[in-house]
Amino acid sequence: MNALLLFIGWCLLFVLSWPLALLALVVAPVVWLLSLPFRLLGVAVGAVFALLKAVLYLPARLLGHRPG
């Protein structure tokens, strides 16, 4: 559904302004490639926080505390 809406929006942009639509078609993969390092950084930061949570909750789990 999301891809269909994106395609319909691009078609509408193509009808209204075809140079802008073609520019968007060329620039979109470049933006995706530039955003990849930030996505990887987000995954790494999330993993670090999950590790910290596991380490901090380990004593309570060893003593048998069950989270709510």
C-alpha atoms as a PDB file:
ATOM      1  CA  MET A   1       0.000   0.000   0.000  1.00  0.00           C
ATOM      2  CA  ASN A   2       2.828   2.378   0.847  1.00  0.00           C
ATOM      3  CA  ALA A   3       4.599   1.650  -2.449  1.00  0.00           C
ATOM      4  CA  LEU A   4       1.346   2.215  -4.339  1.00  0.00           C
ATOM      5  CA  LEU A   5       0.854   5.628  -2.707  1.00  0.00           C
ATOM      6  CA  LEU A   6       4.454   6.521  -3.462  1.00  0.00           C
ATOM      7  CA  PHE A   7       4.000   5.535  -7.112  1.00  0.00           C
ATOM      8  CA  ILE A   8       0.748   7.495  -7.429  1.00  0.00           C
ATOM      9  CA  GLY A   9       2.415  10.531  -5.854  1.00  0.00           C
ATOM     10  CA  TRP A  10       5.325  10.255  -8.254  1.00  0.00           C
ATOM     11  CA  CYS A  11       2.951   9.956 -11.215  1.00  0.00           C
ATOM     12  CA  LEU A  12       1.099  13.062 -10.043  1.00  0.00           C
ATOM     13  CA  LEU A  13       4.409  14.900  -9.704  1.00  0.00           C
ATOM     14  CA  PHE A  14       5.378  13.680 -13.183  1.00  0.00           C
ATOM     15  CA  VAL A  15       2.189  15.131 -14.648  1.00  0.00           C
ATOM     16  CA  LEU A  16       2.653  18.453 -12.863  1.00  0.00           C
ATOM     17  CA  SER A  17       6.398  18.854 -13.329  1.00  0.00           C
ATOM     18  CA  TRP A  18       8.289  16.131 -15.170  1.00  0.00           C
ATOM     19  CA  PRO A  19      11.803  17.571 -14.611  1.00  0.00           C
ATOM     20  CA  LEU A  20      11.218  17.631 -10.864  1.00  0.00           C
ATOM     21  CA  ALA A  21       9.864  14.071 -10.953  1.00  0.00           C
ATOM     22  CA  LEU A  22      12.910  12.827 -12.858  1.00  0.00           C
ATOM     23  CA  LEU A  23      15.186  14.669 -10.433  1.00  0.00           C
ATOM     24  CA  ALA A  24      13.406  12.990  -7.526  1.00  0.00           C
ATOM     25  CA  LEU A  25      13.851   9.631  -9.246  1.00  0.00           C
ATOM     26  CA  VAL A  26      17.616  10.216  -9.519  1.00  0.00           C
ATOM     27  CA  VAL A  27      18.134  11.782  -6.083  1.00  0.00           C
ATOM     28  CA  ALA A  28      16.140   9.200  -4.067  1.00  0.00           C
ATOM     29  CA  PRO A  29      18.779   6.405  -4.276  1.00  0.00           C
ATOM     30  CA  VAL A  30      21.526   8.882  -3.381  1.00  0.00           C
ATOM     31  CA  VAL A  31      19.630   9.996  -0.275  1.00  0.00           C
ATOM     32  CA  TRP A  32      19.038   6.346   0.646  1.00  0.00           C
ATOM     33  CA  LEU A  33      22.764   5.604   0.346  1.00  0.00           C
ATOM     34  CA  LEU A  34      23.664   8.639   2.435  1.00  0.00           C
ATOM     35  CA  SER A  35      21.223   7.602   5.170  1.00  0.00           C
ATOM     36  CA  LEU A  36      22.646   4.066   5.500  1.00  0.00           C
ATOM     37  CA  PRO A  37      25.458   4.975   7.940  1.00  0.00           C
ATOM     38  CA  PHE A  38      22.971   6.753  10.195  1.00  0.00           C
ATOM     39  CA  ARG A  39      20.698   3.704  10.186  1.00  0.00           C
ATOM     40  CA  LEU A  40      23.643   1.477  11.107  1.00  0.00           C
ATOM     41  CA  LEU A  41      24.598   3.895  13.870  1.00  0.00           C
ATOM     42  CA  GLY A  42      21.026   3.736  15.182  1.00  0.00           C
ATOM     43  CA  VAL A  43      21.132  -0.060  15.273  1.00  0.00           C
ATOM     44  CA  ALA A  44      24.479   0.018  17.091  1.00  0.00           C
ATOM     45  CA  VAL A  45      23.243   2.527  19.682  1.00  0.00           C
ATOM     46  CA  GLY A  46      20.110   0.443  20.257  1.00  0.00           C
ATOM     47  CA  ALA A  47      22.260  -2.645  20.779  1.00  0.00           C
ATOM     48  CA  VAL A  48      24.457  -0.837  23.294  1.00  0.00           C
ATOM     49  CA  PHE A  49      21.393   0.283  25.268  1.00  0.00           C
ATOM     50  CA  ALA A  50      19.990  -3.260  25.217  1.00  0.00           C
ATOM     51  CA  LEU A  51      23.313  -4.580  26.522  1.00  0.00           C
ATOM     52  CA  LEU A  52      23.368  -1.972  29.302  1.00  0.00           C
ATOM     53  CA  LYS A  53      19.814  -2.872  30.278  1.00  0.00           C
ATOM     54  CA  ALA A  54      20.676  -6.579  30.371  1.00  0.00           C
ATOM     55  CA  VAL A  55      23.768  -5.953  32.505  1.00  0.00           C
ATOM     56  CA  LEU A  56      21.918  -3.674  34.936  1.00  0.00           C
ATOM     57  CA  TYR A  57      18.963  -6.052  35.334  1.00  0.00           C
ATOM     58  CA  LEU A  58      21.123  -9.170  35.677  1.00  0.00           C
ATOM     59  CA  PRO A  59      21.368  -9.106  39.500  1.00  0.00           C
ATOM     60  CA  ALA A  60      17.606  -8.823  39.867  1.00  0.00           C
ATOM     61  CA  ARG A  61      17.056 -11.660  37.410  1.00  0.00           C
ATOM     62  CA  LEU A  62      19.557 -13.841  39.259  1.00  0.00           C
ATOM     63  CA  LEU A  63      17.660 -13.234  42.511  1.00  0.00           C
ATOM     64  CA  GLY A  64      14.411 -14.328  40.882  1.00  0.00           C
ATOM     65  CA  HIS A  65      12.582 -11.025  40.349  1.00  0.00           C
ATOM     66  CA  ARG A  66       9.920 -11.283  37.652  1.00  0.00           C
ATOM     67  CA  PRO A  67       9.226  -8.047  35.746  1.00  0.00           C
ATOM     68  CA  GLY A  68       5.634  -6.771  35.904  1.00  0.00           C
END
